[in-house]
Amino acid sequence: MFSTLRPKIDTLLANPAGTTDDKLQTICDLLKDTVPYYDWVGFYFKNGDKDELKLGPYAGAPTDHVIIPFGKGICGQVAVSDQNFVVPDVQAQDNYIACSISVKAEIVVPLFVNGVNIGQIDIDSDTPDPFTEADERFLEFVNERVAKLMTQG
């Protein structure tokens, strides 16, 4: 599945039409619609000079978590750690911010531009423990391509 998604991501990001946000929205929609256990897909970005994340394009149910302070929840922890964070069972995480009672697992992969963590891709799943190393490598690939887009624009 990921091997067929990679060229689609490249093609989508290479399209000269549309804004960066349009392209990120299309990625969110593509991943949510294609990967059966990706129930919510979104990008969070550092909010200016503040130590917080701001929600960018996403696909899935609306969320109240538009602003997330650094260190809070899984996304906030990734903003500080600069490391991928895979949560097989969100109920087992003390610092988890619940978006929906149906969410069982989460994966967050930081997005680096010129070595600086500027944001992340966040995936929620209603399936318990669905994420593998293949998900991590694929989402790192997505973020590498998005970083290239952001340095061009």
N, C-alpha and C. Protein backbone atom coordinates (compact mmCIF):
# COMPACT_ATOMS: atom_id res chain seq x y z
N MET A 1 0.83 -1.20 0.00
CA MET A 1 0.00 0.00 0.00
C MET A 1 0.87 1.26 0.00
N PHE A 2 1.89 1.31 0.90
CA PHE A 2 2.72 2.51 0.97
C PHE A 2 3.54 2.69 -0.31
N SER A 3 3.92 1.57 -0.94
CA SER A 3 4.72 1.67 -2.17
C SER A 3 3.91 2.33 -3.29
N THR A 4 2.59 2.13 -3.29
CA THR A 4 1.77 2.80 -4.31
C THR A 4 1.44 4.24 -3.93
N LEU A 5 1.49 4.54 -2.65
CA LEU A 5 1.20 5.91 -2.20
C LEU A 5 2.38 6.86 -2.42
N ARG A 6 3.59 6.35 -2.34
CA ARG A 6 4.78 7.21 -2.47
C ARG A 6 4.78 8.01 -3.78
N PRO A 7 4.62 7.35 -4.95
CA PRO A 7 4.61 8.14 -6.19
C PRO A 7 3.42 9.11 -6.26
N LYS A 8 2.31 8.76 -5.64
CA LYS A 8 1.15 9.67 -5.63
C LYS A 8 1.48 10.94 -4.84
N ILE A 9 2.18 10.77 -3.72
CA ILE A 9 2.59 11.92 -2.91
C ILE A 9 3.53 12.81 -3.73
N ASP A 10 4.51 12.18 -4.39
CA ASP A 10 5.46 12.96 -5.21
C ASP A 10 4.75 13.73 -6.31
N THR A 11 3.81 13.08 -6.99
CA THR A 11 3.08 13.71 -8.08
C THR A 11 2.25 14.88 -7.56
N LEU A 12 1.58 14.64 -6.46
CA LEU A 12 0.73 15.66 -5.85
C LEU A 12 1.54 16.90 -5.47
N LEU A 13 2.70 16.68 -4.84
CA LEU A 13 3.50 17.81 -4.37
C LEU A 13 4.22 18.51 -5.52
N ALA A 14 4.44 17.80 -6.62
CA ALA A 14 5.13 18.40 -7.78
C ALA A 14 4.20 19.28 -8.61
N ASN A 15 2.90 19.15 -8.41
CA ASN A 15 1.92 19.93 -9.17
C ASN A 15 2.12 21.42 -8.87
N PRO A 16 2.37 22.22 -9.92
CA PRO A 16 2.60 23.65 -9.68
C PRO A 16 1.34 24.41 -9.23
N ALA A 17 0.18 23.85 -9.46
CA ALA A 17 -1.07 24.53 -9.08
C ALA A 17 -1.36 24.31 -7.60
N GLY A 18 -2.00 25.29 -6.98
CA GLY A 18 -2.44 25.15 -5.59
C GLY A 18 -1.42 25.65 -4.60
N THR A 19 -1.91 26.03 -3.44
CA THR A 19 -1.05 26.53 -2.37
C THR A 19 -0.47 25.35 -1.59
N THR A 20 0.48 25.64 -0.72
CA THR A 20 1.03 24.61 0.16
C THR A 20 -0.08 23.99 0.99
N ASP A 21 -0.97 24.82 1.56
CA ASP A 21 -2.08 24.29 2.36
C ASP A 21 -2.99 23.39 1.53
N ASP A 22 -3.24 23.77 0.28
CA ASP A 22 -4.05 22.91 -0.60
C ASP A 22 -3.41 21.54 -0.76
N LYS A 23 -2.10 21.54 -0.96
CA LYS A 23 -1.38 20.28 -1.15
C LYS A 23 -1.38 19.44 0.13
N LEU A 24 -1.19 20.10 1.26
CA LEU A 24 -1.22 19.38 2.54
C LEU A 24 -2.62 18.80 2.79
N GLN A 25 -3.64 19.55 2.44
CA GLN A 25 -5.02 19.06 2.59
C GLN A 25 -5.23 17.83 1.71
N THR A 26 -4.72 17.86 0.50
CA THR A 26 -4.87 16.73 -0.41
C THR A 26 -4.14 15.50 0.14
N ILE A 27 -2.96 15.71 0.74
CA ILE A 27 -2.24 14.59 1.37
C ILE A 27 -3.09 14.01 2.49
N CYS A 28 -3.63 14.86 3.35
CA CYS A 28 -4.47 14.38 4.46
C CYS A 28 -5.64 13.56 3.94
N ASP A 29 -6.32 14.08 2.93
CA ASP A 29 -7.47 13.38 2.36
C ASP A 29 -7.05 12.05 1.75
N LEU A 30 -5.94 12.05 1.00
CA LEU A 30 -5.46 10.84 0.35
C LEU A 30 -5.13 9.76 1.38
N LEU A 31 -4.41 10.13 2.43
CA LEU A 31 -4.02 9.15 3.45
C LEU A 31 -5.23 8.62 4.21
N LYS A 32 -6.12 9.51 4.58
CA LYS A 32 -7.31 9.09 5.32
C LYS A 32 -8.17 8.16 4.47
N ASP A 33 -8.30 8.47 3.18
CA ASP A 33 -9.16 7.68 2.30
C ASP A 33 -8.51 6.38 1.84
N THR A 34 -7.17 6.29 1.89
CA THR A 34 -6.47 5.14 1.34
C THR A 34 -6.03 4.13 2.40
N VAL A 35 -5.57 4.61 3.54
CA VAL A 35 -5.08 3.71 4.59
C VAL A 35 -6.25 3.43 5.53
N PRO A 36 -6.71 2.17 5.57
CA PRO A 36 -7.95 1.86 6.30
C PRO A 36 -7.94 2.24 7.78
N TYR A 37 -6.78 2.21 8.43
CA TYR A 37 -6.72 2.50 9.86
C TYR A 37 -6.24 3.92 10.16
N TYR A 38 -6.17 4.80 9.14
CA TYR A 38 -5.89 6.21 9.36
C TYR A 38 -7.24 6.93 9.42
N ASP A 39 -7.75 7.13 10.64
CA ASP A 39 -9.08 7.70 10.80
C ASP A 39 -9.08 9.22 10.93
N TRP A 40 -7.95 9.80 11.30
CA TRP A 40 -7.79 11.25 11.36
C TRP A 40 -6.35 11.53 10.98
N VAL A 41 -6.14 12.43 10.03
CA VAL A 41 -4.81 12.77 9.55
C VAL A 41 -4.69 14.28 9.53
N GLY A 42 -3.67 14.82 10.19
CA GLY A 42 -3.52 16.26 10.19
C GLY A 42 -2.09 16.70 10.38
N PHE A 43 -1.86 17.95 10.05
CA PHE A 43 -0.56 18.59 10.26
C PHE A 43 -0.72 19.65 11.35
N TYR A 44 0.24 19.67 12.25
CA TYR A 44 0.37 20.75 13.23
C TYR A 44 1.69 21.46 12.96
N PHE A 45 1.69 22.79 13.13
CA PHE A 45 2.90 23.57 12.91
C PHE A 45 3.17 24.47 14.10
N LYS A 46 4.47 24.75 14.33
CA LYS A 46 4.85 25.69 15.39
C LYS A 46 4.15 27.01 15.10
N ASN A 47 3.56 27.57 16.14
CA ASN A 47 2.77 28.79 16.01
C ASN A 47 3.66 30.01 16.23
N GLY A 48 4.31 30.47 15.16
CA GLY A 48 5.17 31.65 15.26
C GLY A 48 6.28 31.45 16.26
N ASP A 49 6.46 32.40 17.17
CA ASP A 49 7.51 32.32 18.19
C ASP A 49 7.01 31.66 19.48
N LYS A 50 5.76 31.26 19.49
CA LYS A 50 5.18 30.68 20.71
C LYS A 50 5.58 29.21 20.85
N ASP A 51 5.65 28.76 22.10
CA ASP A 51 5.94 27.35 22.36
C ASP A 51 4.64 26.55 22.32
N GLU A 52 4.03 26.54 21.13
CA GLU A 52 2.78 25.83 20.94
C GLU A 52 2.64 25.44 19.48
N LEU A 53 1.78 24.47 19.25
CA LEU A 53 1.47 24.01 17.90
C LEU A 53 0.10 24.53 17.51
N LYS A 54 -0.04 24.80 16.21
CA LYS A 54 -1.33 25.25 15.68
C LYS A 54 -1.74 24.27 14.59
N LEU A 55 -3.01 23.88 14.62
CA LEU A 55 -3.54 22.93 13.65
C LEU A 55 -3.52 23.52 12.25
N GLY A 56 -3.02 22.74 11.31
CA GLY A 56 -3.05 23.10 9.90
C GLY A 56 -4.09 22.24 9.19
N PRO A 57 -3.86 21.94 7.93
CA PRO A 57 -4.81 21.10 7.19
C PRO A 57 -4.98 19.72 7.85
N TYR A 58 -6.21 19.20 7.80
CA TYR A 58 -6.47 17.88 8.36
C TYR A 58 -7.68 17.26 7.67
N ALA A 59 -7.79 15.94 7.82
CA ALA A 59 -8.94 15.20 7.31
C ALA A 59 -9.46 14.31 8.43
N GLY A 60 -10.76 14.37 8.66
CA GLY A 60 -11.36 13.60 9.74
C GLY A 60 -12.30 14.49 10.52
N ALA A 61 -12.74 13.97 11.64
CA ALA A 61 -13.69 14.71 12.48
C ALA A 61 -13.05 16.00 12.98
N PRO A 62 -13.86 17.07 13.09
CA PRO A 62 -13.33 18.32 13.66
C PRO A 62 -12.78 18.09 15.06
N THR A 63 -11.77 18.86 15.43
CA THR A 63 -11.15 18.73 16.74
C THR A 63 -11.15 20.08 17.46
N ASP A 64 -11.27 20.02 18.77
CA ASP A 64 -11.16 21.23 19.59
C ASP A 64 -9.70 21.61 19.80
N HIS A 65 -8.79 20.68 19.48
CA HIS A 65 -7.37 20.89 19.77
C HIS A 65 -6.68 21.62 18.62
N VAL A 66 -7.02 22.90 18.50
CA VAL A 66 -6.47 23.74 17.45
C VAL A 66 -5.10 24.28 17.88
N ILE A 67 -4.93 24.50 19.17
CA ILE A 67 -3.65 24.95 19.75
C ILE A 67 -3.25 23.91 20.80
N ILE A 68 -1.99 23.44 20.71
CA ILE A 68 -1.47 22.46 21.68
C ILE A 68 -0.15 23.01 22.22
N PRO A 69 -0.06 23.25 23.54
CA PRO A 69 1.19 23.72 24.12
C PRO A 69 2.29 22.66 24.01
N PHE A 70 3.53 23.11 23.80
CA PHE A 70 4.66 22.18 23.78
C PHE A 70 4.65 21.37 25.08
N GLY A 71 4.90 20.08 24.96
CA GLY A 71 4.95 19.19 26.13
C GLY A 71 3.62 18.56 26.47
N LYS A 72 2.50 19.09 25.95
CA LYS A 72 1.17 18.55 26.27
C LYS A 72 0.75 17.53 25.21
N GLY A 73 0.24 16.41 25.67
CA GLY A 73 -0.23 15.40 24.74
C GLY A 73 0.90 14.81 23.92
N ILE A 74 0.55 13.93 23.01
CA ILE A 74 1.55 13.27 22.17
C ILE A 74 2.18 14.29 21.23
N CYS A 75 1.36 15.13 20.60
CA CYS A 75 1.89 16.13 19.66
C CYS A 75 2.83 17.10 20.36
N GLY A 76 2.43 17.57 21.53
CA GLY A 76 3.26 18.50 22.28
C GLY A 76 4.58 17.89 22.73
N GLN A 77 4.55 16.58 23.02
CA GLN A 77 5.80 15.89 23.41
C GLN A 77 6.74 15.77 22.22
N VAL A 78 6.20 15.49 21.03
CA VAL A 78 7.03 15.37 19.82
C VAL A 78 7.64 16.72 19.47
N ALA A 79 6.92 17.81 19.73
CA ALA A 79 7.45 19.16 19.47
C ALA A 79 8.71 19.42 20.29
N VAL A 80 8.80 18.77 21.47
CA VAL A 80 9.93 18.96 22.36
C VAL A 80 11.02 17.91 22.11
N SER A 81 10.62 16.67 21.86
CA SER A 81 11.58 15.56 21.76
C SER A 81 12.25 15.43 20.40
N ASP A 82 11.58 15.93 19.34
CA ASP A 82 12.05 15.77 17.95
C ASP A 82 12.10 14.30 17.53
N GLN A 83 11.33 13.45 18.19
CA GLN A 83 11.34 12.01 17.91
C GLN A 83 9.94 11.55 17.50
N ASN A 84 9.91 10.52 16.65
CA ASN A 84 8.63 9.87 16.35
C ASN A 84 8.04 9.36 17.65
N PHE A 85 6.72 9.35 17.72
CA PHE A 85 6.04 8.81 18.91
C PHE A 85 4.90 7.94 18.41
N VAL A 86 5.01 6.64 18.70
CA VAL A 86 3.96 5.68 18.34
C VAL A 86 3.28 5.24 19.62
N VAL A 87 1.97 5.41 19.66
CA VAL A 87 1.20 5.05 20.85
C VAL A 87 0.22 3.93 20.47
N PRO A 88 0.56 2.68 20.83
CA PRO A 88 -0.31 1.56 20.48
C PRO A 88 -1.66 1.60 21.21
N ASP A 89 -1.67 2.18 22.42
CA ASP A 89 -2.89 2.25 23.23
C ASP A 89 -2.93 3.60 23.94
N VAL A 90 -3.76 4.50 23.45
CA VAL A 90 -3.79 5.85 24.02
C VAL A 90 -4.25 5.84 25.48
N GLN A 91 -5.01 4.84 25.87
CA GLN A 91 -5.48 4.76 27.26
C GLN A 91 -4.32 4.56 28.23
N ALA A 92 -3.20 4.02 27.74
CA ALA A 92 -2.05 3.75 28.60
C ALA A 92 -1.13 4.95 28.75
N GLN A 93 -1.44 6.07 28.06
CA GLN A 93 -0.60 7.26 28.09
C GLN A 93 -1.16 8.28 29.08
N ASP A 94 -0.34 8.65 30.07
CA ASP A 94 -0.78 9.65 31.06
C ASP A 94 -0.99 11.02 30.44
N ASN A 95 -0.15 11.37 29.47
CA ASN A 95 -0.14 12.73 28.91
C ASN A 95 -0.93 12.81 27.60
N TYR A 96 -1.88 11.92 27.41
CA TYR A 96 -2.66 11.89 26.17
C TYR A 96 -3.80 12.89 26.24
N ILE A 97 -4.00 13.65 25.16
CA ILE A 97 -5.14 14.56 25.05
C ILE A 97 -6.17 13.87 24.16
N ALA A 98 -7.29 13.49 24.73
CA ALA A 98 -8.31 12.75 23.97
C ALA A 98 -9.00 13.66 22.97
N CYS A 99 -8.98 13.24 21.72
CA CYS A 99 -9.70 13.97 20.67
C CYS A 99 -11.08 13.38 20.47
N SER A 100 -11.16 12.07 20.62
CA SER A 100 -12.42 11.37 20.41
C SER A 100 -12.37 10.08 21.21
N ILE A 101 -13.50 9.65 21.74
CA ILE A 101 -13.52 8.42 22.52
C ILE A 101 -13.25 7.20 21.66
N SER A 102 -13.39 7.34 20.34
CA SER A 102 -13.16 6.20 19.45
C SER A 102 -11.69 5.97 19.14
N VAL A 103 -10.82 6.96 19.42
CA VAL A 103 -9.40 6.81 19.10
C VAL A 103 -8.75 5.80 20.04
N LYS A 104 -8.05 4.85 19.42
CA LYS A 104 -7.37 3.80 20.19
C LYS A 104 -5.85 3.93 20.13
N ALA A 105 -5.33 4.49 19.02
CA ALA A 105 -3.88 4.57 18.83
C ALA A 105 -3.54 5.86 18.08
N GLU A 106 -2.26 6.27 18.20
CA GLU A 106 -1.82 7.50 17.55
C GLU A 106 -0.36 7.36 17.14
N ILE A 107 -0.02 8.01 16.04
CA ILE A 107 1.38 8.11 15.62
C ILE A 107 1.63 9.56 15.22
N VAL A 108 2.75 10.10 15.70
CA VAL A 108 3.13 11.47 15.39
C VAL A 108 4.58 11.45 14.92
N VAL A 109 4.83 12.06 13.76
CA VAL A 109 6.18 12.11 13.18
C VAL A 109 6.54 13.57 12.94
N PRO A 110 7.68 14.02 13.51
CA PRO A 110 8.05 15.43 13.37
C PRO A 110 8.44 15.77 11.93
N LEU A 111 8.24 17.03 11.61
CA LEU A 111 8.54 17.58 10.28
C LEU A 111 9.68 18.58 10.42
N PHE A 112 10.81 18.26 9.79
CA PHE A 112 12.00 19.11 9.90
C PHE A 112 12.22 19.86 8.59
N VAL A 113 12.48 21.15 8.70
CA VAL A 113 12.92 21.96 7.56
C VAL A 113 14.27 22.55 7.94
N ASN A 114 15.28 22.20 7.15
CA ASN A 114 16.66 22.64 7.43
C ASN A 114 17.08 22.30 8.86
N GLY A 115 16.72 21.09 9.30
CA GLY A 115 17.12 20.60 10.62
C GLY A 115 16.32 21.13 11.78
N VAL A 116 15.32 21.96 11.52
CA VAL A 116 14.50 22.54 12.59
C VAL A 116 13.11 21.89 12.58
N ASN A 117 12.66 21.46 13.75
CA ASN A 117 11.33 20.86 13.89
C ASN A 117 10.29 21.98 13.79
N ILE A 118 9.59 22.04 12.65
CA ILE A 118 8.61 23.12 12.44
C ILE A 118 7.17 22.63 12.60
N GLY A 119 7.00 21.32 12.78
CA GLY A 119 5.65 20.78 12.88
C GLY A 119 5.67 19.27 12.86
N GLN A 120 4.53 18.70 12.49
CA GLN A 120 4.41 17.25 12.53
C GLN A 120 3.17 16.80 11.77
N ILE A 121 3.21 15.52 11.41
CA ILE A 121 2.01 14.87 10.92
C ILE A 121 1.50 13.99 12.05
N ASP A 122 0.20 14.03 12.26
CA ASP A 122 -0.45 13.34 13.37
C ASP A 122 -1.54 12.44 12.79
N ILE A 123 -1.51 11.17 13.17
CA ILE A 123 -2.52 10.21 12.71
C ILE A 123 -3.18 9.57 13.93
N ASP A 124 -4.50 9.62 13.96
CA ASP A 124 -5.28 8.90 14.97
C ASP A 124 -5.92 7.69 14.31
N SER A 125 -5.99 6.60 15.07
CA SER A 125 -6.63 5.40 14.56
C SER A 125 -7.64 4.88 15.56
N ASP A 126 -8.78 4.43 15.04
CA ASP A 126 -9.80 3.78 15.87
C ASP A 126 -9.50 2.29 16.03
N THR A 127 -8.40 1.83 15.43
CA THR A 127 -7.96 0.44 15.50
C THR A 127 -6.87 0.32 16.56
N PRO A 128 -6.97 -0.63 17.49
CA PRO A 128 -5.92 -0.78 18.49
C PRO A 128 -4.60 -1.25 17.84
N ASP A 129 -3.51 -0.60 18.22
CA ASP A 129 -2.15 -0.99 17.85
C ASP A 129 -1.95 -1.32 16.36
N PRO A 130 -2.33 -0.39 15.44
CA PRO A 130 -2.22 -0.71 14.02
C PRO A 130 -0.88 -0.31 13.39
N PHE A 131 -0.10 0.55 14.07
CA PHE A 131 1.05 1.16 13.43
C PHE A 131 2.29 0.28 13.53
N THR A 132 3.03 0.21 12.41
CA THR A 132 4.26 -0.56 12.35
C THR A 132 5.41 0.35 11.94
N GLU A 133 6.58 -0.23 11.84
CA GLU A 133 7.73 0.53 11.37
C GLU A 133 7.49 1.03 9.94
N ALA A 134 6.72 0.29 9.16
CA ALA A 134 6.40 0.72 7.79
C ALA A 134 5.64 2.04 7.80
N ASP A 135 4.73 2.22 8.76
CA ASP A 135 4.02 3.50 8.89
C ASP A 135 5.01 4.62 9.21
N GLU A 136 5.92 4.36 10.14
CA GLU A 136 6.90 5.39 10.51
C GLU A 136 7.73 5.80 9.30
N ARG A 137 8.27 4.81 8.57
CA ARG A 137 9.11 5.14 7.41
C ARG A 137 8.31 5.89 6.35
N PHE A 138 7.07 5.48 6.13
CA PHE A 138 6.24 6.15 5.13
C PHE A 138 5.95 7.60 5.54
N LEU A 139 5.60 7.82 6.79
CA LEU A 139 5.29 9.18 7.25
C LEU A 139 6.54 10.05 7.27
N GLU A 140 7.71 9.46 7.54
CA GLU A 140 8.97 10.20 7.42
C GLU A 140 9.17 10.63 5.96
N PHE A 141 8.88 9.73 5.04
CA PHE A 141 8.96 10.04 3.60
C PHE A 141 8.03 11.22 3.26
N VAL A 142 6.78 11.14 3.73
CA VAL A 142 5.82 12.22 3.47
C VAL A 142 6.38 13.55 3.99
N ASN A 143 6.89 13.54 5.21
CA ASN A 143 7.40 14.78 5.80
C ASN A 143 8.64 15.30 5.08
N GLU A 144 9.50 14.40 4.60
CA GLU A 144 10.67 14.83 3.82
C GLU A 144 10.21 15.56 2.55
N ARG A 145 9.20 15.02 1.90
CA ARG A 145 8.69 15.65 0.67
C ARG A 145 8.01 16.98 0.98
N VAL A 146 7.26 17.03 2.08
CA VAL A 146 6.60 18.29 2.48
C VAL A 146 7.66 19.33 2.82
N ALA A 147 8.73 18.92 3.48
CA ALA A 147 9.82 19.86 3.84
C ALA A 147 10.43 20.46 2.57
N LYS A 148 10.63 19.64 1.55
CA LYS A 148 11.17 20.15 0.28
C LYS A 148 10.22 21.20 -0.32
N LEU A 149 8.93 20.90 -0.27
CA LEU A 149 7.92 21.84 -0.77
C LEU A 149 8.02 23.17 -0.01
N MET A 150 8.17 23.09 1.29
CA MET A 150 8.18 24.30 2.11
C MET A 150 9.45 25.12 1.92
N THR A 151 10.55 24.50 1.56
CA THR A 151 11.77 25.25 1.31
C THR A 151 11.76 25.89 -0.08
N GLN A 152 10.94 25.34 -0.98
CA GLN A 152 10.82 25.92 -2.32
C GLN A 152 9.91 27.16 -2.29
N GLY A 153 8.87 27.08 -1.42
CA GLY A 153 7.90 28.16 -1.38
C GLY A 153 8.34 29.23 -0.46
